[in-house]
C-alpha atoms as a PDB file:
ATOM      1  CA  UNK A   1       6.315 -23.976  29.600  1.00  0.00           C
ATOM      2  CA  UNK A   2       9.977 -23.597  28.664  1.00  0.00           C
ATOM      3  CA  UNK A   3      11.602 -20.281  27.742  1.00  0.00           C
ATOM      4  CA  UNK A   4      11.865 -21.407  24.096  1.00  0.00           C
ATOM      5  CA  UNK A   5       8.168 -22.317  23.934  1.00  0.00           C
ATOM      6  CA  UNK A   6       7.281 -18.955  25.471  1.00  0.00           C
ATOM      7  CA  UNK A   7       9.336 -17.119  22.856  1.00  0.00           C
ATOM      8  CA  UNK A   8       7.713 -19.068  20.011  1.00  0.00           C
ATOM      9  CA  UNK A   9       4.296 -18.123  21.387  1.00  0.00           C
ATOM     10  CA  UNK A  10       5.463 -14.510  21.688  1.00  0.00           C
ATOM     11  CA  UNK A  11       6.544 -14.485  18.036  1.00  0.00           C
ATOM     12  CA  UNK A  12       3.117 -15.649  16.866  1.00  0.00           C
ATOM     13  CA  UNK A  13       1.140 -13.282  19.105  1.00  0.00           C
ATOM     14  CA  UNK A  14       3.280 -10.215  18.328  1.00  0.00           C
ATOM     15  CA  UNK A  15       3.116 -10.834  14.579  1.00  0.00           C
ATOM     16  CA  UNK A  16      -0.654 -11.334  14.569  1.00  0.00           C
ATOM     17  CA  UNK A  17      -1.248  -8.197  16.670  1.00  0.00           C
ATOM     18  CA  UNK A  18       0.929  -6.149  14.321  1.00  0.00           C
ATOM     19  CA  UNK A  19      -0.764  -7.389  11.153  1.00  0.00           C
ATOM     20  CA  UNK A  20      -4.346  -7.146  12.417  1.00  0.00           C
ATOM     21  CA  UNK A  21      -3.857  -3.664  13.915  1.00  0.00           C
ATOM     22  CA  UNK A  22      -1.962  -2.302  10.927  1.00  0.00           C
ATOM     23  CA  UNK A  23      -4.508  -3.515   8.378  1.00  0.00           C
ATOM     24  CA  UNK A  24      -7.637  -2.560  10.344  1.00  0.00           C
ATOM     25  CA  UNK A  25      -7.692   1.099   9.126  1.00  0.00           C
ATOM     26  CA  UNK A  26      -8.087  -0.222   5.560  1.00  0.00           C
ATOM     27  CA  UNK A  27     -11.390  -1.827   6.480  1.00  0.00           C
ATOM     28  CA  UNK A  28     -12.895   0.148   9.305  1.00  0.00           C
ATOM     29  CA  UNK A  29     -11.454   3.669   9.134  1.00  0.00           C
ATOM     30  CA  UNK A  30     -11.044   5.716  12.318  1.00  0.00           C
ATOM     31  CA  UNK A  31     -13.891   7.251  14.314  1.00  0.00           C
ATOM     32  CA  UNK A  32     -13.482   9.826  17.098  1.00  0.00           C
ATOM     33  CA  UNK A  33     -14.334   7.179  19.676  1.00  0.00           C
ATOM     34  CA  UNK A  34     -11.660   4.877  18.293  1.00  0.00           C
ATOM     35  CA  UNK A  35      -9.148   7.720  18.385  1.00  0.00           C
ATOM     36  CA  UNK A  36      -9.922   8.290  22.081  1.00  0.00           C
ATOM     37  CA  UNK A  37      -9.457   4.595  22.874  1.00  0.00           C
ATOM     38  CA  UNK A  38      -6.240   4.595  20.881  1.00  0.00           C
ATOM     39  CA  UNK A  39      -5.029   7.663  22.788  1.00  0.00           C
ATOM     40  CA  UNK A  40      -5.724   6.101  26.204  1.00  0.00           C
ATOM     41  CA  UNK A  41      -4.176   2.785  25.192  1.00  0.00           C
ATOM     42  CA  UNK A  42      -1.183   4.575  23.724  1.00  0.00           C
ATOM     43  CA  UNK A  43      -0.671   6.511  26.974  1.00  0.00           C
ATOM     44  CA  UNK A  44      -0.837   3.264  28.940  1.00  0.00           C
ATOM     45  CA  UNK A  45       1.771   1.779  26.612  1.00  0.00           C
ATOM     46  CA  UNK A  46       3.933   4.856  27.153  1.00  0.00           C
ATOM     47  CA  UNK A  47       3.959   4.203  30.897  1.00  0.00           C
ATOM     48  CA  UNK A  48       4.826   0.559  30.324  1.00  0.00           C
ATOM     49  CA  UNK A  49       7.668   1.479  27.961  1.00  0.00           C
ATOM     50  CA  UNK A  50       9.054   4.044  30.384  1.00  0.00           C
ATOM     51  CA  UNK A  51       8.900   1.582  33.271  1.00  0.00           C
ATOM     52  CA  UNK A  52      10.386  -1.271  31.239  1.00  0.00           C
ATOM     53  CA  UNK A  53      13.259   0.926  30.071  1.00  0.00           C
ATOM     54  CA  UNK A  54      14.102   2.524  33.425  1.00  0.00           C
ATOM     55  CA  UNK A  55      13.229  -0.249  35.882  1.00  0.00           C
ATOM     56  CA  UNK A  56      14.078  -3.423  33.961  1.00  0.00           C
ATOM     57  CA  UNK A  57      16.244  -3.064  30.865  1.00  0.00           C
ATOM     58  CA  UNK A  58      18.655  -0.343  31.981  1.00  0.00           C
ATOM     59  CA  UNK A  59      19.389  -1.835  35.436  1.00  0.00           C
ATOM     60  CA  UNK A  60      19.897  -5.267  33.835  1.00  0.00           C
ATOM     61  CA  UNK A  61      22.217  -3.775  31.229  1.00  0.00           C
ATOM     62  CA  UNK A  62      24.267  -1.992  33.909  1.00  0.00           C
ATOM     63  CA  UNK A  63      24.558  -5.158  35.982  1.00  0.00           C
ATOM     64  CA  UNK A  64      25.492  -7.428  33.064  1.00  0.00           C
ATOM     65  CA  UNK A  65      28.085  -5.056  31.603  1.00  0.00           C
ATOM     66  CA  UNK A  66      29.665  -4.025  34.910  1.00  0.00           C
ATOM     67  CA  UNK A  67      32.038  -6.995  34.694  1.00  0.00           C
ATOM     68  CA  UNK A  68      33.249  -5.895  31.242  1.00  0.00           C
ATOM     69  CA  UNK A  69      34.492  -2.434  32.210  1.00  0.00           C
ATOM     70  CA  UNK A  70      34.256   0.179  34.935  1.00  0.00           C
ATOM     71  CA  UNK A  71      33.108   2.594  32.257  1.00  0.00           C
ATOM     72  CA  UNK A  72      29.283   2.984  32.179  1.00  0.00           C
ATOM     73  CA  UNK A  73      28.896   1.096  28.894  1.00  0.00           C
ATOM     74  CA  UNK A  74      25.225   0.351  29.449  1.00  0.00           C
ATOM     75  CA  UNK A  75      24.378   4.032  29.785  1.00  0.00           C
ATOM     76  CA  UNK A  76      26.469   4.873  26.715  1.00  0.00           C
ATOM     77  CA  UNK A  77      24.695   2.217  24.611  1.00  0.00           C
ATOM     78  CA  UNK A  78      21.289   3.397  25.811  1.00  0.00           C
ATOM     79  CA  UNK A  79      22.207   6.987  24.939  1.00  0.00           C
ATOM     80  CA  UNK A  80      23.513   5.851  21.528  1.00  0.00           C
ATOM     81  CA  UNK A  81      20.311   4.032  20.576  1.00  0.00           C
ATOM     82  CA  UNK A  82      18.225   6.983  21.773  1.00  0.00           C
ATOM     83  CA  UNK A  83      20.451   9.316  19.765  1.00  0.00           C
ATOM     84  CA  UNK A  84      20.100   7.247  16.582  1.00  0.00           C
ATOM     85  CA  UNK A  85      16.309   7.434  16.709  1.00  0.00           C
ATOM     86  CA  UNK A  86      16.482  11.133  17.542  1.00  0.00           C
ATOM     87  CA  UNK A  87      18.790  11.731  14.568  1.00  0.00           C
ATOM     88  CA  UNK A  88      16.548   9.829  12.172  1.00  0.00           C
ATOM     89  CA  UNK A  89      13.355  11.504  13.261  1.00  0.00           C
ATOM     90  CA  UNK A  90      14.401  15.049  14.102  1.00  0.00           C
ATOM     91  CA  UNK A  91      17.490  15.710  11.968  1.00  0.00           C
ATOM     92  CA  UNK A  92      17.468  13.609   8.796  1.00  0.00           C
ATOM     93  CA  UNK A  93      13.784  14.393   8.278  1.00  0.00           C
ATOM     94  CA  UNK A  94      13.696  17.793   9.960  1.00  0.00           C
ATOM     95  CA  UNK A  95      10.704  18.959   7.927  1.00  0.00           C
ATOM     96  CA  UNK A  96       8.511  16.531   9.832  1.00  0.00           C
ATOM     97  CA  UNK A  97       6.191  18.445  12.160  1.00  0.00           C
ATOM     98  CA  UNK A  98       4.462  17.454  15.394  1.00  0.00           C
ATOM     99  CA  UNK A  99       3.532  13.787  15.141  1.00  0.00           C
ATOM    100  CA  UNK A 100      -0.085  13.424  16.232  1.00  0.00           C
ATOM    101  CA  UNK A 101      -2.998  11.558  14.748  1.00  0.00           C
ATOM    102  CA  UNK A 102      -4.302  14.640  12.980  1.00  0.00           C
ATOM    103  CA  UNK A 103      -0.983  15.365  11.246  1.00  0.00           C
ATOM    104  CA  UNK A 104       0.236  11.863  10.353  1.00  0.00           C
ATOM    105  CA  UNK A 105       0.185  11.344   6.623  1.00  0.00           C
ATOM    106  CA  UNK A 106       0.434  14.970   5.396  1.00  0.00           C
ATOM    107  CA  UNK A 107       3.008  13.790   2.891  1.00  0.00           C
ATOM    108  CA  UNK A 108       3.246  10.437   1.155  1.00  0.00           C
ATOM    109  CA  UNK A 109       6.789   9.999   2.478  1.00  0.00           C
ATOM    110  CA  UNK A 110       6.044  10.357   6.176  1.00  0.00           C
ATOM    111  CA  UNK A 111       4.522   6.858   6.636  1.00  0.00           C
ATOM    112  CA  UNK A 112       7.758   5.297   5.394  1.00  0.00           C
ATOM    113  CA  UNK A 113       9.779   7.327   7.896  1.00  0.00           C
ATOM    114  CA  UNK A 114       7.413   6.228  10.647  1.00  0.00           C
ATOM    115  CA  UNK A 115       7.744   2.607   9.503  1.00  0.00           C
ATOM    116  CA  UNK A 116      11.560   2.875   9.537  1.00  0.00           C
ATOM    117  CA  UNK A 117      11.736   4.297  13.065  1.00  0.00           C
ATOM    118  CA  UNK A 118       9.204   1.829  14.451  1.00  0.00           C
ATOM    119  CA  UNK A 119      10.951  -1.080  12.724  1.00  0.00           C
ATOM    120  CA  UNK A 120      14.365  -0.224  14.198  1.00  0.00           C
ATOM    121  CA  UNK A 121      12.870  -0.029  17.655  1.00  0.00           C
ATOM    122  CA  UNK A 122      10.852  -3.218  17.138  1.00  0.00           C
ATOM    123  CA  UNK A 123      13.886  -5.199  16.002  1.00  0.00           C
ATOM    124  CA  UNK A 124      16.020  -4.112  18.979  1.00  0.00           C
ATOM    125  CA  UNK A 125      13.170  -4.810  21.417  1.00  0.00           C
ATOM    126  CA  UNK A 126      12.687  -8.264  19.870  1.00  0.00           C
ATOM    127  CA  UNK A 127      16.410  -9.038  20.153  1.00  0.00           C
ATOM    128  CA  UNK A 128      16.340  -8.027  23.812  1.00  0.00           C
ATOM    129  CA  UNK A 129      13.399 -10.387  24.405  1.00  0.00           C
ATOM    130  CA  UNK A 130      15.013 -13.208  22.440  1.00  0.00           C
ATOM    131  CA  UNK A 131      18.273 -13.100  24.370  1.00  0.00           C
ATOM    132  CA  UNK A 132      16.583 -13.224  27.805  1.00  0.00           C
ATOM    133  CA  UNK A 133      17.171 -16.492  29.659  1.00  0.00           C
ATOM    134  CA  UNK A 134      14.205 -16.607  32.047  1.00  0.00           C
ATOM    135  CA  UNK A 135      10.440 -16.624  31.493  1.00  0.00           C
ATOM    136  CA  UNK A 136       9.885 -13.834  34.038  1.00  0.00           C
ATOM    137  CA  UNK A 137      12.297 -11.427  32.329  1.00  0.00           C
ATOM    138  CA  UNK A 138      10.895 -12.408  28.933  1.00  0.00           C
ATOM    139  CA  UNK A 139       7.358 -11.782  30.185  1.00  0.00           C
ATOM    140  CA  UNK A 140       8.208  -8.206  31.189  1.00  0.00           C
ATOM    141  CA  UNK A 141       9.446  -7.412  27.692  1.00  0.00           C
ATOM    142  CA  UNK A 142       6.579  -9.313  26.063  1.00  0.00           C
ATOM    143  CA  UNK A 143       4.038  -7.205  27.980  1.00  0.00           C
ATOM    144  CA  UNK A 144       5.829  -4.005  26.993  1.00  0.00           C
ATOM    145  CA  UNK A 145       6.021  -5.024  23.332  1.00  0.00           C
ATOM    146  CA  UNK A 146       2.399  -6.107  22.894  1.00  0.00           C
ATOM    147  CA  UNK A 147       1.185  -3.038  24.802  1.00  0.00           C
ATOM    148  CA  UNK A 148       2.662  -0.858  22.073  1.00  0.00           C
ATOM    149  CA  UNK A 149       2.774  -3.117  19.004  1.00  0.00           C
ATOM    150  CA  UNK A 150      -0.912  -2.867  18.243  1.00  0.00           C
ATOM    151  CA  UNK A 151      -1.008   0.890  18.766  1.00  0.00           C
ATOM    152  CA  UNK A 152       2.128   1.453  16.711  1.00  0.00           C
ATOM    153  CA  UNK A 153       0.836  -0.693  13.834  1.00  0.00           C
ATOM    154  CA  UNK A 154      -2.556   1.053  14.028  1.00  0.00           C
ATOM    155  CA  UNK A 155      -0.909   4.498  13.856  1.00  0.00           C
ATOM    156  CA  UNK A 156       1.221   3.340  10.930  1.00  0.00           C
ATOM    157  CA  UNK A 157      -1.879   2.033   9.146  1.00  0.00           C
ATOM    158  CA  UNK A 158      -3.690   5.336   9.706  1.00  0.00           C
ATOM    159  CA  UNK A 159      -0.730   7.295   8.341  1.00  0.00           C
ATOM    160  CA  UNK A 160      -0.717   5.259   5.134  1.00  0.00           C
ATOM    161  CA  UNK A 161      -4.483   5.532   4.622  1.00  0.00           C
ATOM    162  CA  UNK A 162      -4.339   9.308   5.054  1.00  0.00           C
ATOM    163  CA  UNK A 163      -1.340   9.565   2.732  1.00  0.00           C
ATOM    164  CA  UNK A 164      -3.310   7.755   0.019  1.00  0.00           C
ATOM    165  CA  UNK A 165      -0.875   4.841  -0.258  1.00  0.00           C
ATOM    166  CA  UNK A 166      -2.274   2.028  -2.402  1.00  0.00           C
ATOM    167  CA  UNK A 167      -3.638  -1.043  -0.623  1.00  0.00           C
ATOM    168  CA  UNK A 168      -1.018  -3.485  -1.936  1.00  0.00           C
ATOM    169  CA  UNK A 169       1.859  -1.333  -0.701  1.00  0.00           C
ATOM    170  CA  UNK A 170       0.049  -0.717   2.608  1.00  0.00           C
ATOM    171  CA  UNK A 171      -0.108  -4.465   3.197  1.00  0.00           C
ATOM    172  CA  UNK A 172       3.579  -4.945   2.333  1.00  0.00           C
ATOM    173  CA  UNK A 173       4.712  -2.204   4.736  1.00  0.00           C
ATOM    174  CA  UNK A 174       2.589  -3.582   7.585  1.00  0.00           C
ATOM    175  CA  UNK A 175       3.875  -7.121   7.009  1.00  0.00           C
ATOM    176  CA  UNK A 176       7.458  -5.875   7.007  1.00  0.00           C
ATOM    177  CA  UNK A 177       6.916  -3.883  10.202  1.00  0.00           C
ATOM    178  CA  UNK A 178       5.110  -6.788  11.885  1.00  0.00           C
ATOM    179  CA  UNK A 179       7.932  -9.248  11.169  1.00  0.00           C
ATOM    180  CA  UNK A 180      10.686  -7.035  12.619  1.00  0.00           C
ATOM    181  CA  UNK A 181      10.070  -7.978  16.262  1.00  0.00           C
ATOM    182  CA  UNK A 182       9.928 -11.731  15.511  1.00  0.00           C
ATOM    183  CA  UNK A 183      13.172 -11.386  13.515  1.00  0.00           C
ATOM    184  CA  UNK A 184      14.761  -9.706  16.514  1.00  0.00           C
ATOM    185  CA  UNK A 185      13.526 -12.496  18.787  1.00  0.00           C
ATOM    186  CA  UNK A 186      15.033 -15.131  16.477  1.00  0.00           C
ATOM    187  CA  UNK A 187      18.361 -13.277  16.387  1.00  0.00           C
ATOM    188  CA  UNK A 188      18.454 -12.842  20.160  1.00  0.00           C
ATOM    189  CA  UNK A 189      17.605 -16.485  20.760  1.00  0.00           C
ATOM    190  CA  UNK A 190      20.287 -17.631  18.301  1.00  0.00           C
ATOM    191  CA  UNK A 191      22.918 -15.442  19.937  1.00  0.00           C
ATOM    192  CA  UNK A 192      21.867 -16.635  23.383  1.00  0.00           C
ATOM    193  CA  UNK A 193      22.298 -20.275  22.364  1.00  0.00           C
ATOM    194  CA  UNK A 194      25.372 -19.787  20.178  1.00  0.00           C
ATOM    195  CA  UNK A 195      27.714 -18.278  22.743  1.00  0.00           C
ATOM    196  CA  UNK A 196      29.053 -19.318  26.121  1.00  0.00           C
ATOM    197  CA  UNK A 197      27.784 -18.069  29.442  1.00  0.00           C
ATOM    198  CA  UNK A 198      30.080 -15.029  29.778  1.00  0.00           C
ATOM    199  CA  UNK A 199      29.698 -13.906  26.158  1.00  0.00           C
ATOM    200  CA  UNK A 200      25.964 -14.544  26.308  1.00  0.00           C
ATOM    201  CA  UNK A 201      25.658 -12.339  29.395  1.00  0.00           C
ATOM    202  CA  UNK A 202      27.625  -9.580  27.705  1.00  0.00           C
ATOM    203  CA  UNK A 203      25.385  -9.736  24.611  1.00  0.00           C
ATOM    204  CA  UNK A 204      22.303  -9.708  26.823  1.00  0.00           C
ATOM    205  CA  UNK A 205      23.638  -6.592  28.521  1.00  0.00           C
ATOM    206  CA  UNK A 206      24.290  -4.934  25.157  1.00  0.00           C
ATOM    207  CA  UNK A 207      20.803  -5.618  23.801  1.00  0.00           C
ATOM    208  CA  UNK A 208      19.146  -4.696  27.114  1.00  0.00           C
ATOM    209  CA  UNK A 209      20.988  -1.363  27.079  1.00  0.00           C
ATOM    210  CA  UNK A 210      20.177  -0.637  23.426  1.00  0.00           C
ATOM    211  CA  UNK A 211      16.531  -1.545  23.992  1.00  0.00           C
ATOM    212  CA  UNK A 212      16.398   0.669  27.097  1.00  0.00           C
ATOM    213  CA  UNK A 213      17.383   3.697  25.011  1.00  0.00           C
ATOM    214  CA  UNK A 214      14.751   2.967  22.362  1.00  0.00           C
ATOM    215  CA  UNK A 215      12.072   2.291  25.005  1.00  0.00           C
ATOM    216  CA  UNK A 216      12.771   5.599  26.745  1.00  0.00           C
ATOM    217  CA  UNK A 217      12.814   7.472  23.427  1.00  0.00           C
ATOM    218  CA  UNK A 218       9.536   5.988  22.225  1.00  0.00           C
ATOM    219  CA  UNK A 219       7.891   6.518  25.628  1.00  0.00           C
ATOM    220  CA  UNK A 220       8.890  10.156  26.101  1.00  0.00           C
ATOM    221  CA  UNK A 221       9.416  11.685  22.644  1.00  0.00           C
ATOM    222  CA  UNK A 222       6.942   9.631  20.622  1.00  0.00           C
ATOM    223  CA  UNK A 223       4.089   8.554  22.868  1.00  0.00           C
ATOM    224  CA  UNK A 224       3.894  10.997  25.794  1.00  0.00           C
ATOM    225  CA  UNK A 225       4.837  14.101  23.793  1.00  0.00           C
ATOM    226  CA  UNK A 226       2.426  13.101  21.036  1.00  0.00           C
ATOM    227  CA  UNK A 227      -0.509  12.437  23.333  1.00  0.00           C
ATOM    228  CA  UNK A 228      -0.171  15.662  25.313  1.00  0.00           C
ATOM    229  CA  UNK A 229       0.166  17.678  22.101  1.00  0.00           C
ATOM    230  CA  UNK A 230      -3.463  16.750  21.391  1.00  0.00           C
ATOM    231  CA  UNK A 231      -5.786  18.825  23.632  1.00  0.00           C
ATOM    232  CA  UNK A 232      -8.298  17.041  25.832  1.00  0.00           C
ATOM    233  CA  UNK A 233      -8.419  14.170  28.343  1.00  0.00           C
ATOM    234  CA  UNK A 234      -5.074  15.172  29.880  1.00  0.00           C
ATOM    235  CA  UNK A 235      -5.869  13.706  33.303  1.00  0.00           C
ATOM    236  CA  UNK A 236      -7.029  10.426  31.788  1.00  0.00           C
ATOM    237  CA  UNK A 237      -3.857  10.205  29.702  1.00  0.00           C
ATOM    238  CA  UNK A 238      -1.694  10.959  32.740  1.00  0.00           C
ATOM    239  CA  UNK A 239      -3.441   8.313  34.825  1.00  0.00           C
ATOM    240  CA  UNK A 240      -3.021   5.787  32.005  1.00  0.00           C
ATOM    241  CA  UNK A 241       0.720   6.501  31.934  1.00  0.00           C
ATOM    242  CA  UNK A 242       0.945   6.092  35.719  1.00  0.00           C
ATOM    243  CA  UNK A 243      -0.953   2.778  35.589  1.00  0.00           C
ATOM    244  CA  UNK A 244       1.422   1.426  32.947  1.00  0.00           C
ATOM    245  CA  UNK A 245       4.464   2.631  34.883  1.00  0.00           C
ATOM    246  CA  UNK A 246       3.029   1.182  38.100  1.00  0.00           C
ATOM    247  CA  UNK A 247       2.556  -2.213  36.442  1.00  0.00           C
ATOM    248  CA  UNK A 248       6.235  -2.303  35.479  1.00  0.00           C
ATOM    249  CA  UNK A 249       7.184  -1.157  38.991  1.00  0.00           C
ATOM    250  CA  UNK A 250       5.225  -4.061  40.493  1.00  0.00           C
ATOM    251  CA  UNK A 251       6.856  -6.569  38.147  1.00  0.00           C
ATOM    252  CA  UNK A 252      10.265  -5.205  39.196  1.00  0.00           C
ATOM    253  CA  UNK A 253       9.658  -6.678  42.656  1.00  0.00           C
ATOM    254  CA  UNK A 254       9.980 -10.192  41.220  1.00  0.00           C
ATOM    255  CA  UNK A 255      12.635  -9.565  38.551  1.00  0.00           C
END
């Protein structure tokens, strides 16, 4: 399988996971057992995101941008993308309280904020995947994305159901969120093919660094903070995070 074929497959899988997970709360609702499974899966995804950001994306960004300047551009870009998400979530919408499954959807506006933040992250992550030049590096990002895409879409769907958003608008928001990662993949692939080797490497470093910041933000401030703000199953959540982080650490041996 070529890198292009892999990315086309990734586009289809990521989109279908986003749509099916985001629309499932409309049909099935959310039981306590499903919330527990979501919590464990979300913790696992948090470990994968943390590992992908720290062990794959950030080191790649540093290496690729080291030839551009002695200044730590990769770290600055990662900090900038983290800061943008922090600003959107904690400053622009400061009235938003602790984001856990019990509180999501207290106002009709909160689901749209959640959709905006998740969409920005999804687009940057997709661009980072699209601009990768090898199947192995693309696989690492693909695993990280699908590990969180379903959970993120599911949480977004829950927030809209609890906010009483009408079904037609619910579907539109989920479709828009689900297409953001594929759009990022298309953009990254186009940039990768449209520029020469040196420029392509620089762009890859830029998107890797930006994605690293969003991965670290989502892992620490969205997933891990959220999960441990909900009492119960702390050890199981911690172990799930460690398993996800360990998986990314193992993949780092080959990348």
